[in-house]
């Protein structure tokens, strides 16, 4: 059965620091780079664990370090065990009664 899974980097909480009015273009550029690097890290992990045959599609990188996969349950199980990722199943939503 194919499921949709969402993967994000595992992070430790950091103390709040108010931002210093950064340049928005630079912030966006940095976010795009971070999103692309995270997607590559997820794909590298899937390839190294030989899980790509159990993945139907992978979302394109965006401005958030987050990847959505359509995959088999075994892929989600392995991603949940990996210390560098937070992974979970996305909620199916049916809009047709």
PDB file of N, CA and C in Angstrom:
ATOM      1  N   UNK A   1       0.844  -1.181   0.000  1.00  0.00           N
ATOM      2  CA  UNK A   1       0.000   0.000   0.000  1.00  0.00           C
ATOM      3  C   UNK A   1       0.889   1.244   0.000  1.00  0.00           C
ATOM      4  N   UNK A   2       0.549   2.200  -0.813  1.00  0.00           N
ATOM      5  CA  UNK A   2       1.296   3.454  -0.889  1.00  0.00           C
ATOM      6  C   UNK A   2       0.713   4.445   0.107  1.00  0.00           C
ATOM      7  N   UNK A   3       1.588   5.147   0.797  1.00  0.00           N
ATOM      8  CA  UNK A   3       1.170   6.162   1.767  1.00  0.00           C
ATOM      9  C   UNK A   3       1.934   7.448   1.490  1.00  0.00           C
ATOM     10  N   UNK A   4       1.414   8.559   1.962  1.00  0.00           N
ATOM     11  CA  UNK A   4       2.120   9.833   1.881  1.00  0.00           C
ATOM     12  C   UNK A   4       2.788  10.086   3.221  1.00  0.00           C
ATOM     13  N   UNK A   5       4.077  10.386   3.170  1.00  0.00           N
ATOM     14  CA  UNK A   5       4.845  10.642   4.388  1.00  0.00           C
ATOM     15  C   UNK A   5       5.494  12.015   4.296  1.00  0.00           C
ATOM     16  N   UNK A   6       5.633  12.672   5.428  1.00  0.00           N
ATOM     17  CA  UNK A   6       6.280  13.982   5.503  1.00  0.00           C
ATOM     18  C   UNK A   6       7.526  13.837   6.357  1.00  0.00           C
ATOM     19  N   UNK A   7       8.653  14.329   5.841  1.00  0.00           N
ATOM     20  CA  UNK A   7       9.927  14.208   6.538  1.00  0.00           C
ATOM     21  C   UNK A   7      10.508  15.590   6.759  1.00  0.00           C
ATOM     22  N   UNK A   8      10.988  15.834   7.974  1.00  0.00           N
ATOM     23  CA  UNK A   8      11.625  17.104   8.327  1.00  0.00           C
ATOM     24  C   UNK A   8      12.894  16.798   9.111  1.00  0.00           C
ATOM     25  N   UNK A   9      13.810  17.770   9.189  1.00  0.00           N
ATOM     26  CA  UNK A   9      15.015  17.529   9.986  1.00  0.00           C
ATOM     27  C   UNK A   9      14.686  17.503  11.470  1.00  0.00           C
ATOM     28  N   UNK A  10      15.375  16.655  12.196  1.00  0.00           N
ATOM     29  CA  UNK A  10      15.213  16.601  13.651  1.00  0.00           C
ATOM     30  C   UNK A  10      16.029  17.744  14.235  1.00  0.00           C
ATOM     31  N   UNK A  11      15.430  18.537  15.103  1.00  0.00           N
ATOM     32  CA  UNK A  11      16.102  19.705  15.673  1.00  0.00           C
ATOM     33  C   UNK A  11      15.950  19.724  17.180  1.00  0.00           C
ATOM     34  N   UNK A  12      16.933  20.292  17.825  1.00  0.00           N
ATOM     35  CA  UNK A  12      16.868  20.539  19.261  1.00  0.00           C
ATOM     36  C   UNK A  12      16.322  21.950  19.459  1.00  0.00           C
ATOM     37  N   UNK A  13      15.509  22.187  20.484  1.00  0.00           N
ATOM     38  CA  UNK A  13      14.993  23.536  20.722  1.00  0.00           C
ATOM     39  C   UNK A  13      16.131  24.504  21.047  1.00  0.00           C
ATOM     40  N   UNK A  14      16.003  25.719  20.538  1.00  0.00           N
ATOM     41  CA  UNK A  14      17.003  26.759  20.808  1.00  0.00           C
ATOM     42  C   UNK A  14      16.311  27.934  21.479  1.00  0.00           C
ATOM     43  N   UNK A  15      17.039  28.694  22.274  1.00  0.00           N
ATOM     44  CA  UNK A  15      16.425  29.857  22.923  1.00  0.00           C
ATOM     45  C   UNK A  15      16.002  30.902  21.887  1.00  0.00           C
ATOM     46  N   UNK A  16      14.935  31.611  22.199  1.00  0.00           N
ATOM     47  CA  UNK A  16      14.428  32.646  21.300  1.00  0.00           C
ATOM     48  C   UNK A  16      15.387  33.827  21.252  1.00  0.00           C
ATOM     49  N   UNK A  17      15.672  34.260  20.029  1.00  0.00           N
ATOM     50  CA  UNK A  17      16.461  35.475  19.812  1.00  0.00           C
ATOM     51  C   UNK A  17      15.700  36.329  18.809  1.00  0.00           C
ATOM     52  N   UNK A  18      15.374  37.558  19.160  1.00  0.00           N
ATOM     53  CA  UNK A  18      14.646  38.393  18.208  1.00  0.00           C
ATOM     54  C   UNK A  18      15.491  38.649  16.956  1.00  0.00           C
ATOM     55  N   UNK A  19      14.870  38.602  15.783  1.00  0.00           N
ATOM     56  CA  UNK A  19      15.617  38.814  14.533  1.00  0.00           C
ATOM     57  C   UNK A  19      16.065  40.263  14.377  1.00  0.00           C
ATOM     58  N   UNK A  20      17.077  40.440  13.540  1.00  0.00           N
ATOM     59  CA  UNK A  20      17.642  41.763  13.284  1.00  0.00           C
ATOM     60  C   UNK A  20      17.210  42.316  11.930  1.00  0.00           C
ATOM     61  N   UNK A  21      16.023  42.320  11.536  1.00  0.00           N
ATOM     62  CA  UNK A  21      15.552  42.873  10.256  1.00  0.00           C
ATOM     63  C   UNK A  21      16.469  42.464   9.098  1.00  0.00           C
ATOM     64  N   UNK A  22      16.538  41.186   8.781  1.00  0.00           N
ATOM     65  CA  UNK A  22      17.426  40.732   7.713  1.00  0.00           C
ATOM     66  C   UNK A  22      16.898  41.093   6.326  1.00  0.00           C
ATOM     67  N   UNK A  23      17.775  41.025   5.361  1.00  0.00           N
ATOM     68  CA  UNK A  23      17.419  41.239   3.968  1.00  0.00           C
ATOM     69  C   UNK A  23      16.545  40.058   3.527  1.00  0.00           C
ATOM     70  N   UNK A  24      15.331  40.324   3.105  1.00  0.00           N
ATOM     71  CA  UNK A  24      14.390  39.252   2.767  1.00  0.00           C
ATOM     72  C   UNK A  24      14.874  38.396   1.603  1.00  0.00           C
ATOM     73  N   UNK A  25      15.505  39.015   0.630  1.00  0.00           N
ATOM     74  CA  UNK A  25      15.996  38.247  -0.519  1.00  0.00           C
ATOM     75  C   UNK A  25      17.048  37.234  -0.071  1.00  0.00           C
ATOM     76  N   UNK A  26      17.935  37.645   0.818  1.00  0.00           N
ATOM     77  CA  UNK A  26      18.969  36.731   1.320  1.00  0.00           C
ATOM     78  C   UNK A  26      18.360  35.619   2.165  1.00  0.00           C
ATOM     79  N   UNK A  27      17.380  35.971   2.970  1.00  0.00           N
ATOM     80  CA  UNK A  27      16.710  34.963   3.802  1.00  0.00           C
ATOM     81  C   UNK A  27      16.026  33.925   2.916  1.00  0.00           C
ATOM     82  N   UNK A  28      15.337  34.386   1.866  1.00  0.00           N
ATOM     83  CA  UNK A  28      14.649  33.472   0.960  1.00  0.00           C
ATOM     84  C   UNK A  28      15.653  32.594   0.207  1.00  0.00           C
ATOM     85  N   UNK A  29      16.727  33.198  -0.255  1.00  0.00           N
ATOM     86  CA  UNK A  29      17.765  32.444  -0.966  1.00  0.00           C
ATOM     87  C   UNK A  29      18.361  31.361  -0.059  1.00  0.00           C
ATOM     88  N   UNK A  30      18.624  31.720   1.181  1.00  0.00           N
ATOM     89  CA  UNK A  30      19.168  30.757   2.145  1.00  0.00           C
ATOM     90  C   UNK A  30      18.166  29.632   2.409  1.00  0.00           C
ATOM     91  N   UNK A  31      16.888  29.982   2.518  1.00  0.00           N
ATOM     92  CA  UNK A  31      15.850  28.978   2.761  1.00  0.00           C
ATOM     93  C   UNK A  31      15.733  28.011   1.585  1.00  0.00           C
ATOM     94  N   UNK A  32      15.821  28.516   0.361  1.00  0.00           N
ATOM     95  CA  UNK A  32      15.771  27.647  -0.818  1.00  0.00           C
ATOM     96  C   UNK A  32      16.956  26.686  -0.838  1.00  0.00           C
ATOM     97  N   UNK A  33      18.134  27.197  -0.504  1.00  0.00           N
ATOM     98  CA  UNK A  33      19.329  26.361  -0.454  1.00  0.00           C
ATOM     99  C   UNK A  33      19.182  25.275   0.614  1.00  0.00           C
ATOM    100  N   UNK A  34      18.682  25.665   1.774  1.00  0.00           N
ATOM    101  CA  UNK A  34      18.475  24.713   2.871  1.00  0.00           C
ATOM    102  C   UNK A  34      17.457  23.636   2.480  1.00  0.00           C
ATOM    103  N   UNK A  35      16.376  24.039   1.815  1.00  0.00           N
ATOM    104  CA  UNK A  35      15.369  23.079   1.363  1.00  0.00           C
ATOM    105  C   UNK A  35      15.936  22.090   0.363  1.00  0.00           C
ATOM    106  N   UNK A  36      16.767  22.590  -0.555  1.00  0.00           N
ATOM    107  CA  UNK A  36      17.392  21.728  -1.557  1.00  0.00           C
ATOM    108  C   UNK A  36      18.385  20.764  -0.907  1.00  0.00           C
ATOM    109  N   UNK A  37      19.182  21.267   0.031  1.00  0.00           N
ATOM    110  CA  UNK A  37      20.150  20.415   0.726  1.00  0.00           C
ATOM    111  C   UNK A  37      19.443  19.327   1.535  1.00  0.00           C
ATOM    112  N   UNK A  38      18.332  19.683   2.170  1.00  0.00           N
ATOM    113  CA  UNK A  38      17.604  18.684   2.954  1.00  0.00           C
ATOM    114  C   UNK A  38      17.014  17.605   2.050  1.00  0.00           C
ATOM    115  N   UNK A  39      16.436  18.005   0.922  1.00  0.00           N
ATOM    116  CA  UNK A  39      15.880  17.023  -0.022  1.00  0.00           C
ATOM    117  C   UNK A  39      16.978  16.073  -0.495  1.00  0.00           C
ATOM    118  N   UNK A  40      18.150  16.628  -0.810  1.00  0.00           N
ATOM    119  CA  UNK A  40      19.271  15.786  -1.233  1.00  0.00           C
ATOM    120  C   UNK A  40      19.694  14.828  -0.124  1.00  0.00           C
ATOM    121  N   UNK A  41      19.672  15.290   1.127  1.00  0.00           N
ATOM    122  CA  UNK A  41      20.038  14.426   2.256  1.00  0.00           C
ATOM    123  C   UNK A  41      19.048  13.265   2.391  1.00  0.00           C
ATOM    124  N   UNK A  42      17.762  13.547   2.207  1.00  0.00           N
ATOM    125  CA  UNK A  42      16.750  12.487   2.279  1.00  0.00           C
ATOM    126  C   UNK A  42      16.967  11.486   1.148  1.00  0.00           C
ATOM    127  N   UNK A  43      17.181  11.985  -0.076  1.00  0.00           N
ATOM    128  CA  UNK A  43      17.399  11.087  -1.211  1.00  0.00           C
ATOM    129  C   UNK A  43      18.671  10.263  -1.032  1.00  0.00           C
ATOM    130  N   UNK A  44      19.738  10.882  -0.528  1.00  0.00           N
ATOM    131  CA  UNK A  44      20.980  10.139  -0.273  1.00  0.00           C
ATOM    132  C   UNK A  44      20.735   9.020   0.735  1.00  0.00           C
ATOM    133  N   UNK A  45      19.966   9.316   1.779  1.00  0.00           N
ATOM    134  CA  UNK A  45      19.650   8.303   2.788  1.00  0.00           C
ATOM    135  C   UNK A  45      18.849   7.158   2.162  1.00  0.00           C
ATOM    136  N   UNK A  46      17.836   7.499   1.378  1.00  0.00           N
ATOM    137  CA  UNK A  46      17.012   6.464   0.753  1.00  0.00           C
ATOM    138  C   UNK A  46      17.844   5.584  -0.175  1.00  0.00           C
ATOM    139  N   UNK A  47      18.748   6.201  -0.935  1.00  0.00           N
ATOM    140  CA  UNK A  47      19.617   5.426  -1.832  1.00  0.00           C
ATOM    141  C   UNK A  47      20.571   4.540  -1.033  1.00  0.00           C
ATOM    142  N   UNK A  48      21.168   5.087   0.017  1.00  0.00           N
ATOM    143  CA  UNK A  48      22.137   4.309   0.803  1.00  0.00           C
ATOM    144  C   UNK A  48      21.475   3.129   1.514  1.00  0.00           C
ATOM    145  N   UNK A  49      20.206   3.267   1.847  1.00  0.00           N
ATOM    146  CA  UNK A  49      19.462   2.186   2.503  1.00  0.00           C
ATOM    147  C   UNK A  49      18.737   1.288   1.492  1.00  0.00           C
ATOM    148  N   UNK A  50      18.943   1.573   0.193  1.00  0.00           N
ATOM    149  CA  UNK A  50      18.318   0.817  -0.900  1.00  0.00           C
ATOM    150  C   UNK A  50      16.799   0.775  -0.772  1.00  0.00           C
ATOM    151  N   UNK A  51      16.214   1.951  -0.545  1.00  0.00           N
ATOM    152  CA  UNK A  51      14.763   2.069  -0.369  1.00  0.00           C
ATOM    153  C   UNK A  51      14.059   2.748  -1.545  1.00  0.00           C
ATOM    154  N   UNK A  52      14.795   3.154  -2.567  1.00  0.00           N
ATOM    155  CA  UNK A  52      14.185   3.918  -3.653  1.00  0.00           C
ATOM    156  C   UNK A  52      13.136   3.116  -4.431  1.00  0.00           C
ATOM    157  N   UNK A  53      13.242   1.792  -4.447  1.00  0.00           N
ATOM    158  CA  UNK A  53      12.230   0.985  -5.137  1.00  0.00           C
ATOM    159  C   UNK A  53      10.881   1.040  -4.430  1.00  0.00           C
ATOM    160  N   UNK A  54      10.873   1.443  -3.170  1.00  0.00           N
ATOM    161  CA  UNK A  54       9.634   1.532  -2.395  1.00  0.00           C
ATOM    162  C   UNK A  54       9.134   2.972  -2.303  1.00  0.00           C
ATOM    163  N   UNK A  55       9.668   3.856  -3.171  1.00  0.00           N
ATOM    164  CA  UNK A  55       9.246   5.261  -3.221  1.00  0.00           C
ATOM    165  C   UNK A  55       8.667   5.524  -4.604  1.00  0.00           C
ATOM    166  N   UNK A  56       7.437   6.025  -4.638  1.00  0.00           N
ATOM    167  CA  UNK A  56       6.787   6.312  -5.918  1.00  0.00           C
ATOM    168  C   UNK A  56       7.148   7.706  -6.424  1.00  0.00           C
ATOM    169  N   UNK A  57       7.107   8.712  -5.551  1.00  0.00           N
ATOM    170  CA  UNK A  57       7.497  10.069  -5.938  1.00  0.00           C
ATOM    171  C   UNK A  57       7.986  10.845  -4.732  1.00  0.00           C
ATOM    172  N   UNK A  58       8.758  11.895  -5.045  1.00  0.00           N
ATOM    173  CA  UNK A  58       9.347  12.762  -4.027  1.00  0.00           C
ATOM    174  C   UNK A  58       9.021  14.198  -4.416  1.00  0.00           C
ATOM    175  N   UNK A  59       8.618  15.002  -3.451  1.00  0.00           N
ATOM    176  CA  UNK A  59       8.296  16.401  -3.740  1.00  0.00           C
ATOM    177  C   UNK A  59       9.544  17.176  -4.148  1.00  0.00           C
ATOM    178  N   UNK A  60       9.328  18.263  -4.849  1.00  0.00           N
ATOM    179  CA  UNK A  60      10.417  19.155  -5.243  1.00  0.00           C
ATOM    180  C   UNK A  60      10.855  19.971  -4.030  1.00  0.00           C
ATOM    181  N   UNK A  61      12.102  20.449  -4.030  1.00  0.00           N
ATOM    182  CA  UNK A  61      12.548  21.273  -2.897  1.00  0.00           C
ATOM    183  C   UNK A  61      11.825  22.612  -2.884  1.00  0.00           C
ATOM    184  N   UNK A  62      11.639  23.144  -1.687  1.00  0.00           N
ATOM    185  CA  UNK A  62      10.980  24.436  -1.534  1.00  0.00           C
ATOM    186  C   UNK A  62      11.748  25.294  -0.557  1.00  0.00           C
ATOM    187  N   UNK A  63      11.068  26.247   0.045  1.00  0.00           N
ATOM    188  CA  UNK A  63      11.738  27.162   0.976  1.00  0.00           C
ATOM    189  C   UNK A  63      11.678  26.671   2.420  1.00  0.00           C
ATOM    190  N   UNK A  64      11.157  25.475   2.637  1.00  0.00           N
ATOM    191  CA  UNK A  64      11.165  24.843   3.963  1.00  0.00           C
ATOM    192  C   UNK A  64      11.949  23.541   3.870  1.00  0.00           C
ATOM    193  N   UNK A  65      12.680  23.175   4.905  1.00  0.00           N
ATOM    194  CA  UNK A  65      13.374  21.888   4.881  1.00  0.00           C
ATOM    195  C   UNK A  65      12.380  20.762   5.170  1.00  0.00           C
ATOM    196  N   UNK A  66      11.597  20.419   4.145  1.00  0.00           N
ATOM    197  CA  UNK A  66      10.554  19.410   4.296  1.00  0.00           C
ATOM    198  C   UNK A  66      10.401  18.669   2.974  1.00  0.00           C
ATOM    199  N   UNK A  67      10.205  17.365   3.051  1.00  0.00           N
ATOM    200  CA  UNK A  67      10.025  16.534   1.864  1.00  0.00           C
ATOM    201  C   UNK A  67       8.768  15.703   2.070  1.00  0.00           C
ATOM    202  N   UNK A  68       7.963  15.599   1.027  1.00  0.00           N
ATOM    203  CA  UNK A  68       6.807  14.715   1.042  1.00  0.00           C
ATOM    204  C   UNK A  68       7.101  13.561   0.092  1.00  0.00           C
ATOM    205  N   UNK A  69       6.838  12.352   0.547  1.00  0.00           N
ATOM    206  CA  UNK A  69       7.065  11.154  -0.258  1.00  0.00           C
ATOM    207  C   UNK A  69       5.767  10.385  -0.404  1.00  0.00           C
ATOM    208  N   UNK A  70       5.599   9.737  -1.534  1.00  0.00           N
ATOM    209  CA  UNK A  70       4.596   8.688  -1.665  1.00  0.00           C
ATOM    210  C   UNK A  70       5.417   7.409  -1.630  1.00  0.00           C
ATOM    211  N   UNK A  71       5.243   6.629  -0.585  1.00  0.00           N
ATOM    212  CA  UNK A  71       6.144   5.497  -0.357  1.00  0.00           C
ATOM    213  C   UNK A  71       5.412   4.343   0.313  1.00  0.00           C
ATOM    214  N   UNK A  72       6.119   3.247   0.483  1.00  0.00           N
ATOM    215  CA  UNK A  72       5.610   2.091   1.209  1.00  0.00           C
ATOM    216  C   UNK A  72       5.866   2.299   2.705  1.00  0.00           C
ATOM    217  N   UNK A  73       5.128   1.585   3.536  1.00  0.00           N
ATOM    218  CA  UNK A  73       5.244   1.717   4.988  1.00  0.00           C
ATOM    219  C   UNK A  73       6.667   1.466   5.481  1.00  0.00           C
ATOM    220  N   UNK A  74       7.390   0.548   4.848  1.00  0.00           N
ATOM    221  CA  UNK A  74       8.754   0.234   5.284  1.00  0.00           C
ATOM    222  C   UNK A  74       9.677   1.441   5.185  1.00  0.00           C
ATOM    223  N   UNK A  75       9.448   2.299   4.199  1.00  0.00           N
ATOM    224  CA  UNK A  75      10.265   3.506   4.046  1.00  0.00           C
ATOM    225  C   UNK A  75      10.008   4.443   5.219  1.00  0.00           C
ATOM    226  N   UNK A  76       8.746   4.656   5.544  1.00  0.00           N
ATOM    227  CA  UNK A  76       8.407   5.512   6.682  1.00  0.00           C
ATOM    228  C   UNK A  76       8.997   4.953   7.978  1.00  0.00           C
ATOM    229  N   UNK A  77       8.910   3.648   8.162  1.00  0.00           N
ATOM    230  CA  UNK A  77       9.471   3.028   9.372  1.00  0.00           C
ATOM    231  C   UNK A  77      10.965   3.300   9.493  1.00  0.00           C
ATOM    232  N   UNK A  78      11.697   3.172   8.401  1.00  0.00           N
ATOM    233  CA  UNK A  78      13.147   3.393   8.433  1.00  0.00           C
ATOM    234  C   UNK A  78      13.472   4.861   8.658  1.00  0.00           C
ATOM    235  N   UNK A  79      12.704   5.761   8.043  1.00  0.00           N
ATOM    236  CA  UNK A  79      12.947   7.196   8.241  1.00  0.00           C
ATOM    237  C   UNK A  79      12.659   7.603   9.682  1.00  0.00           C
ATOM    238  N   UNK A  80      11.669   6.992  10.301  1.00  0.00           N
ATOM    239  CA  UNK A  80      11.358   7.295  11.696  1.00  0.00           C
ATOM    240  C   UNK A  80      12.464   6.821  12.634  1.00  0.00           C
ATOM    241  N   UNK A  81      13.184   5.788  12.249  1.00  0.00           N
ATOM    242  CA  UNK A  81      14.286   5.276  13.062  1.00  0.00           C
ATOM    243  C   UNK A  81      15.568   6.080  12.873  1.00  0.00           C
ATOM    244  N   UNK A  82      15.687   6.796  11.767  1.00  0.00           N
ATOM    245  CA  UNK A  82      16.906   7.565  11.488  1.00  0.00           C
ATOM    246  C   UNK A  82      16.978   8.770  12.427  1.00  0.00           C
ATOM    247  N   UNK A  83      18.116   8.985  13.082  1.00  0.00           N
ATOM    248  CA  UNK A  83      18.215  10.077  14.059  1.00  0.00           C
ATOM    249  C   UNK A  83      18.169  11.476  13.450  1.00  0.00           C
ATOM    250  N   UNK A  84      18.456  11.606  12.160  1.00  0.00           N
ATOM    251  CA  UNK A  84      18.503  12.935  11.552  1.00  0.00           C
ATOM    252  C   UNK A  84      17.157  13.416  11.001  1.00  0.00           C
ATOM    253  N   UNK A  85      16.126  12.556  11.036  1.00  0.00           N
ATOM    254  CA  UNK A  85      14.838  12.923  10.458  1.00  0.00           C
ATOM    255  C   UNK A  85      13.701  12.784  11.464  1.00  0.00           C
ATOM    256  N   UNK A  86      12.701  13.642  11.294  1.00  0.00           N
ATOM    257  CA  UNK A  86      11.386  13.476  11.921  1.00  0.00           C
ATOM    258  C   UNK A  86      10.471  13.091  10.770  1.00  0.00           C
ATOM    259  N   UNK A  87       9.800  11.973  10.863  1.00  0.00           N
ATOM    260  CA  UNK A  87       8.959  11.520   9.760  1.00  0.00           C
ATOM    261  C   UNK A  87       7.621  11.046  10.302  1.00  0.00           C
ATOM    262  N   UNK A  88       6.590  11.285   9.527  1.00  0.00           N
ATOM    263  CA  UNK A  88       5.259  10.847   9.916  1.00  0.00           C
ATOM    264  C   UNK A  88       4.371  10.712   8.700  1.00  0.00           C
ATOM    265  N   UNK A  89       3.236  10.140   8.917  1.00  0.00           N
ATOM    266  CA  UNK A  89       2.278   9.921   7.840  1.00  0.00           C
ATOM    267  C   UNK A  89       1.372  11.133   7.724  1.00  0.00           C
ATOM    268  N   UNK A  90       1.123  11.563   6.500  1.00  0.00           N
ATOM    269  CA  UNK A  90       0.220  12.696   6.331  1.00  0.00           C
ATOM    270  C   UNK A  90      -1.223  12.211   6.434  1.00  0.00           C
ATOM    271  N   UNK A  91      -2.088  13.095   6.815  1.00  0.00           N
ATOM    272  CA  UNK A  91      -3.488  12.769   7.030  1.00  0.00           C
ATOM    273  C   UNK A  91      -4.226  12.779   5.700  1.00  0.00           C
ATOM    274  N   UNK A  92      -4.907  11.701   5.401  1.00  0.00           N
ATOM    275  CA  UNK A  92      -5.726  11.640   4.193  1.00  0.00           C
ATOM    276  C   UNK A  92      -6.995  12.450   4.429  1.00  0.00           C
ATOM    277  N   UNK A  93      -7.360  13.263   3.459  1.00  0.00           N
ATOM    278  CA  UNK A  93      -8.531  14.119   3.595  1.00  0.00           C
ATOM    279  C   UNK A  93      -9.428  13.923   2.385  1.00  0.00           C
ATOM    280  N   UNK A  94     -10.624  13.456   2.615  1.00  0.00           N
ATOM    281  CA  UNK A  94     -11.583  13.266   1.542  1.00  0.00           C
ATOM    282  C   UNK A  94     -12.614  14.386   1.611  1.00  0.00           C
ATOM    283  N   UNK A  95     -12.728  15.146   0.536  1.00  0.00           N
ATOM    284  CA  UNK A  95     -13.676  16.259   0.500  1.00  0.00           C
ATOM    285  C   UNK A  95     -15.004  15.866  -0.132  1.00  0.00           C
ATOM    286  N   UNK A  96     -15.091  14.635  -0.605  1.00  0.00           N
ATOM    287  CA  UNK A  96     -16.327  14.151  -1.210  1.00  0.00           C
ATOM    288  C   UNK A  96     -17.070  13.318  -0.168  1.00  0.00           C
ATOM    289  N   UNK A  97     -18.318  13.704   0.173  1.00  0.00           N
ATOM    290  CA  UNK A  97     -19.066  12.966   1.212  1.00  0.00           C
ATOM    291  C   UNK A  97     -19.468  11.577   0.766  1.00  0.00           C
TER     292      UNK A  97
END
